[in-house]
Amino acid sequence: MKNNVNDENFDFLFKCILSLQTVEDCRNFFEDLCTISELQEMSRRMKAAKMLNSGYVYSEIAVQTGLSTATISRVNRCLKYGSDGYIKALENVKKEEKRNK
């Protein structure tokens, strides 16, 4: 399920994101880069990925996130057959949370 996001424009964007060091820096960057609707959609998809990874069912995820079951299904497909982007991000956040306890 790999998409072709391998060109210099994407690489520059990803390098810019990786250069940010705080949540506040990320918030400011993404507020400038994206619309509120785009940010809301991305945050809902991340919440769905976290919930799917924790064993929640689609109906509960739909209620808590406001996402359609089609979008939840797409997130689930990415979790199972994608590039492991969601999984890596969720694992990294979990590790960071454990370090901060």
N, C-alpha and C. Protein backbone atom coordinates (compact mmCIF):
# COMPACT_ATOMS: atom_id res chain seq x y z
N MET A 1 0.83 -1.19 0.00
CA MET A 1 0.00 0.00 0.00
C MET A 1 0.86 1.25 0.00
N LYS A 2 2.05 1.15 -0.54
CA LYS A 2 2.96 2.28 -0.56
C LYS A 2 2.53 3.28 -1.62
N ASN A 3 2.54 4.54 -1.24
CA ASN A 3 2.26 5.62 -2.19
C ASN A 3 3.58 6.20 -2.66
N ASN A 4 3.53 6.90 -3.74
CA ASN A 4 4.74 7.50 -4.27
C ASN A 4 4.93 8.89 -3.67
N VAL A 5 5.46 8.92 -2.46
CA VAL A 5 5.76 10.19 -1.79
C VAL A 5 7.27 10.33 -1.68
N ASN A 6 7.92 10.03 -2.77
CA ASN A 6 9.37 10.01 -2.78
C ASN A 6 9.89 10.97 -3.84
N ASP A 7 9.81 12.25 -3.55
CA ASP A 7 10.44 13.23 -4.42
C ASP A 7 11.01 14.35 -3.56
N GLU A 8 11.71 15.26 -4.18
CA GLU A 8 12.42 16.28 -3.39
C GLU A 8 11.48 17.23 -2.64
N ASN A 9 10.29 17.48 -3.16
CA ASN A 9 9.34 18.34 -2.45
C ASN A 9 8.85 17.68 -1.17
N PHE A 10 8.50 16.40 -1.26
CA PHE A 10 8.09 15.67 -0.07
C PHE A 10 9.25 15.59 0.92
N ASP A 11 10.43 15.28 0.41
CA ASP A 11 11.60 15.18 1.29
C ASP A 11 11.86 16.49 2.03
N PHE A 12 11.71 17.61 1.33
CA PHE A 12 11.92 18.91 1.98
C PHE A 12 10.88 19.13 3.08
N LEU A 13 9.62 18.81 2.79
CA LEU A 13 8.56 18.93 3.80
C LEU A 13 8.89 18.08 5.02
N PHE A 14 9.26 16.82 4.80
CA PHE A 14 9.55 15.91 5.92
C PHE A 14 10.76 16.38 6.72
N LYS A 15 11.76 16.92 6.04
CA LYS A 15 12.93 17.46 6.75
C LYS A 15 12.53 18.65 7.61
N CYS A 16 11.65 19.48 7.09
CA CYS A 16 11.16 20.62 7.88
C CYS A 16 10.43 20.13 9.13
N ILE A 17 9.59 19.12 8.97
CA ILE A 17 8.86 18.58 10.13
C ILE A 17 9.83 18.00 11.13
N LEU A 18 10.80 17.24 10.66
CA LEU A 18 11.78 16.63 11.56
C LEU A 18 12.65 17.66 12.28
N SER A 19 12.77 18.85 11.72
CA SER A 19 13.59 19.89 12.35
C SER A 19 12.91 20.51 13.57
N LEU A 20 11.61 20.33 13.69
CA LEU A 20 10.86 20.92 14.81
C LEU A 20 11.12 20.12 16.07
N GLN A 21 11.26 20.83 17.19
CA GLN A 21 11.71 20.15 18.40
C GLN A 21 10.70 20.13 19.55
N THR A 22 9.66 20.92 19.44
CA THR A 22 8.68 20.94 20.53
C THR A 22 7.27 20.82 19.96
N VAL A 23 6.34 20.45 20.82
CA VAL A 23 4.94 20.38 20.41
C VAL A 23 4.48 21.77 19.96
N GLU A 24 4.92 22.79 20.67
CA GLU A 24 4.53 24.15 20.30
C GLU A 24 5.05 24.52 18.91
N ASP A 25 6.31 24.15 18.61
CA ASP A 25 6.86 24.40 17.27
C ASP A 25 6.02 23.68 16.20
N CYS A 26 5.66 22.43 16.48
CA CYS A 26 4.83 21.65 15.54
C CYS A 26 3.46 22.29 15.37
N ARG A 27 2.86 22.68 16.48
CA ARG A 27 1.55 23.31 16.42
C ARG A 27 1.60 24.56 15.54
N ASN A 28 2.59 25.41 15.77
CA ASN A 28 2.71 26.64 14.99
C ASN A 28 2.94 26.35 13.51
N PHE A 29 3.82 25.39 13.22
CA PHE A 29 4.11 25.02 11.84
C PHE A 29 2.86 24.51 11.14
N PHE A 30 2.17 23.56 11.77
CA PHE A 30 1.00 22.96 11.14
C PHE A 30 -0.17 23.94 11.05
N GLU A 31 -0.28 24.87 11.98
CA GLU A 31 -1.32 25.91 11.88
C GLU A 31 -1.07 26.79 10.66
N ASP A 32 0.21 27.04 10.37
CA ASP A 32 0.54 27.82 9.18
C ASP A 32 0.36 27.01 7.90
N LEU A 33 0.70 25.74 7.96
CA LEU A 33 0.71 24.89 6.77
C LEU A 33 -0.68 24.40 6.37
N CYS A 34 -1.51 24.06 7.35
CA CYS A 34 -2.79 23.39 7.09
C CYS A 34 -3.96 24.23 7.55
N THR A 35 -5.13 23.90 7.01
CA THR A 35 -6.35 24.51 7.52
C THR A 35 -6.74 23.80 8.81
N ILE A 36 -7.61 24.40 9.58
CA ILE A 36 -8.10 23.78 10.81
C ILE A 36 -8.78 22.45 10.48
N SER A 37 -9.54 22.41 9.40
CA SER A 37 -10.22 21.17 8.99
C SER A 37 -9.22 20.07 8.68
N GLU A 38 -8.13 20.40 8.01
CA GLU A 38 -7.10 19.39 7.71
C GLU A 38 -6.45 18.88 8.99
N LEU A 39 -6.15 19.78 9.90
CA LEU A 39 -5.56 19.36 11.18
C LEU A 39 -6.51 18.50 11.99
N GLN A 40 -7.78 18.87 11.99
CA GLN A 40 -8.77 18.07 12.72
C GLN A 40 -8.86 16.68 12.12
N GLU A 41 -8.87 16.59 10.81
CA GLU A 41 -8.96 15.29 10.14
C GLU A 41 -7.74 14.43 10.46
N MET A 42 -6.55 15.01 10.40
CA MET A 42 -5.34 14.25 10.71
C MET A 42 -5.33 13.78 12.16
N SER A 43 -5.75 14.66 13.07
CA SER A 43 -5.76 14.27 14.49
C SER A 43 -6.79 13.19 14.76
N ARG A 44 -7.94 13.25 14.07
CA ARG A 44 -8.95 12.19 14.23
C ARG A 44 -8.44 10.86 13.69
N ARG A 45 -7.70 10.90 12.59
CA ARG A 45 -7.15 9.67 12.03
C ARG A 45 -6.10 9.06 12.97
N MET A 46 -5.29 9.91 13.59
CA MET A 46 -4.31 9.38 14.55
C MET A 46 -5.01 8.77 15.76
N LYS A 47 -6.07 9.42 16.22
CA LYS A 47 -6.82 8.86 17.34
C LYS A 47 -7.43 7.52 16.95
N ALA A 48 -7.96 7.43 15.72
CA ALA A 48 -8.53 6.17 15.25
C ALA A 48 -7.46 5.09 15.19
N ALA A 49 -6.27 5.44 14.71
CA ALA A 49 -5.17 4.47 14.64
C ALA A 49 -4.82 3.96 16.04
N LYS A 50 -4.76 4.88 16.99
CA LYS A 50 -4.45 4.50 18.37
C LYS A 50 -5.54 3.58 18.92
N MET A 51 -6.80 3.92 18.66
CA MET A 51 -7.91 3.12 19.16
C MET A 51 -7.95 1.75 18.50
N LEU A 52 -7.74 1.70 17.18
CA LEU A 52 -7.70 0.42 16.48
C LEU A 52 -6.58 -0.45 17.02
N ASN A 53 -5.45 0.16 17.25
CA ASN A 53 -4.29 -0.56 17.77
C ASN A 53 -4.55 -1.09 19.18
N SER A 54 -5.49 -0.46 19.88
CA SER A 54 -5.84 -0.87 21.24
C SER A 54 -7.05 -1.81 21.28
N GLY A 55 -7.58 -2.16 20.10
CA GLY A 55 -8.65 -3.14 20.04
C GLY A 55 -10.07 -2.61 20.03
N TYR A 56 -10.25 -1.31 19.88
CA TYR A 56 -11.60 -0.75 19.82
C TYR A 56 -12.28 -1.17 18.52
N VAL A 57 -13.60 -1.19 18.53
CA VAL A 57 -14.38 -1.53 17.34
C VAL A 57 -14.75 -0.25 16.59
N TYR A 58 -15.04 -0.43 15.29
CA TYR A 58 -15.33 0.70 14.42
C TYR A 58 -16.41 1.61 14.96
N SER A 59 -17.50 1.03 15.46
CA SER A 59 -18.63 1.85 15.91
C SER A 59 -18.22 2.77 17.05
N GLU A 60 -17.42 2.26 17.97
CA GLU A 60 -16.96 3.10 19.08
C GLU A 60 -16.00 4.18 18.60
N ILE A 61 -15.15 3.83 17.68
CA ILE A 61 -14.20 4.81 17.12
C ILE A 61 -14.96 5.90 16.38
N ALA A 62 -15.97 5.51 15.62
CA ALA A 62 -16.78 6.49 14.88
C ALA A 62 -17.44 7.48 15.82
N VAL A 63 -17.97 6.98 16.93
CA VAL A 63 -18.63 7.86 17.91
C VAL A 63 -17.61 8.82 18.52
N GLN A 64 -16.46 8.31 18.91
CA GLN A 64 -15.47 9.14 19.62
C GLN A 64 -14.71 10.10 18.71
N THR A 65 -14.58 9.75 17.42
CA THR A 65 -13.78 10.60 16.53
C THR A 65 -14.60 11.40 15.53
N GLY A 66 -15.80 10.92 15.25
CA GLY A 66 -16.60 11.57 14.21
C GLY A 66 -16.22 11.14 12.81
N LEU A 67 -15.32 10.17 12.69
CA LEU A 67 -14.90 9.68 11.38
C LEU A 67 -15.94 8.70 10.84
N SER A 68 -16.02 8.61 9.52
CA SER A 68 -16.88 7.61 8.90
C SER A 68 -16.22 6.24 9.03
N THR A 69 -17.03 5.20 8.94
CA THR A 69 -16.47 3.86 9.00
C THR A 69 -15.56 3.59 7.79
N ALA A 70 -15.81 4.26 6.67
CA ALA A 70 -14.93 4.11 5.50
C ALA A 70 -13.54 4.66 5.80
N THR A 71 -13.47 5.79 6.47
CA THR A 71 -12.17 6.35 6.83
C THR A 71 -11.49 5.49 7.88
N ILE A 72 -12.25 5.00 8.83
CA ILE A 72 -11.68 4.11 9.85
C ILE A 72 -11.14 2.86 9.19
N SER A 73 -11.86 2.34 8.21
CA SER A 73 -11.41 1.16 7.47
C SER A 73 -10.10 1.45 6.74
N ARG A 74 -9.98 2.63 6.17
CA ARG A 74 -8.74 3.00 5.49
C ARG A 74 -7.58 3.07 6.47
N VAL A 75 -7.81 3.67 7.63
CA VAL A 75 -6.77 3.73 8.66
C VAL A 75 -6.38 2.31 9.07
N ASN A 76 -7.36 1.45 9.24
CA ASN A 76 -7.08 0.06 9.62
C ASN A 76 -6.26 -0.66 8.55
N ARG A 77 -6.60 -0.43 7.28
CA ARG A 77 -5.83 -1.01 6.17
C ARG A 77 -4.38 -0.55 6.23
N CYS A 78 -4.19 0.72 6.52
CA CYS A 78 -2.83 1.26 6.63
C CYS A 78 -2.08 0.63 7.81
N LEU A 79 -2.78 0.44 8.91
CA LEU A 79 -2.16 -0.21 10.06
C LEU A 79 -1.70 -1.63 9.72
N LYS A 80 -2.50 -2.34 8.94
CA LYS A 80 -2.20 -3.74 8.63
C LYS A 80 -1.27 -3.91 7.43
N TYR A 81 -1.46 -3.09 6.40
CA TYR A 81 -0.77 -3.33 5.13
C TYR A 81 0.01 -2.13 4.61
N GLY A 82 0.06 -1.07 5.40
CA GLY A 82 0.69 0.17 4.94
C GLY A 82 2.19 0.18 5.13
N SER A 83 2.73 1.34 5.22
CA SER A 83 4.17 1.56 5.33
C SER A 83 4.65 1.58 6.78
N ASP A 84 3.78 1.24 7.70
CA ASP A 84 4.06 1.21 9.14
C ASP A 84 4.26 2.60 9.74
N GLY A 85 3.77 3.61 9.05
CA GLY A 85 3.89 4.98 9.56
C GLY A 85 3.11 5.19 10.85
N TYR A 86 1.86 4.74 10.86
CA TYR A 86 1.05 4.86 12.08
C TYR A 86 1.70 4.08 13.22
N ILE A 87 2.09 2.84 12.93
CA ILE A 87 2.66 1.97 13.96
C ILE A 87 3.91 2.59 14.56
N LYS A 88 4.80 3.06 13.72
CA LYS A 88 6.05 3.67 14.19
C LYS A 88 5.77 4.89 15.06
N ALA A 89 4.85 5.74 14.61
CA ALA A 89 4.51 6.94 15.37
C ALA A 89 3.91 6.57 16.73
N LEU A 90 2.99 5.61 16.73
CA LEU A 90 2.36 5.19 17.99
C LEU A 90 3.38 4.58 18.94
N GLU A 91 4.28 3.76 18.40
CA GLU A 91 5.33 3.16 19.24
C GLU A 91 6.25 4.23 19.82
N ASN A 92 6.62 5.21 19.00
CA ASN A 92 7.52 6.28 19.47
C ASN A 92 6.87 7.11 20.57
N VAL A 93 5.59 7.42 20.42
CA VAL A 93 4.88 8.19 21.45
C VAL A 93 4.79 7.39 22.74
N LYS A 94 4.50 6.10 22.60
CA LYS A 94 4.41 5.23 23.79
C LYS A 94 5.75 5.18 24.52
N LYS A 95 6.85 5.03 23.79
CA LYS A 95 8.18 5.01 24.40
C LYS A 95 8.48 6.34 25.10
N GLU A 96 8.12 7.43 24.45
CA GLU A 96 8.36 8.76 25.02
C GLU A 96 7.55 8.95 26.29
N GLU A 97 6.31 8.48 26.29
CA GLU A 97 5.47 8.59 27.49
C GLU A 97 6.04 7.77 28.63
N LYS A 98 6.58 6.60 28.34
CA LYS A 98 7.20 5.77 29.39
C LYS A 98 8.44 6.44 29.95
N ARG A 99 9.23 7.06 29.09
CA ARG A 99 10.44 7.77 29.54
C ARG A 99 10.10 8.95 30.46
N ASN A 100 8.99 9.58 30.18
CA ASN A 100 8.60 10.78 30.94
C ASN A 100 7.88 10.46 32.25
N LYS A 101 7.64 9.18 32.53
CA LYS A 101 6.95 8.82 33.79
C LYS A 101 7.92 8.67 34.91
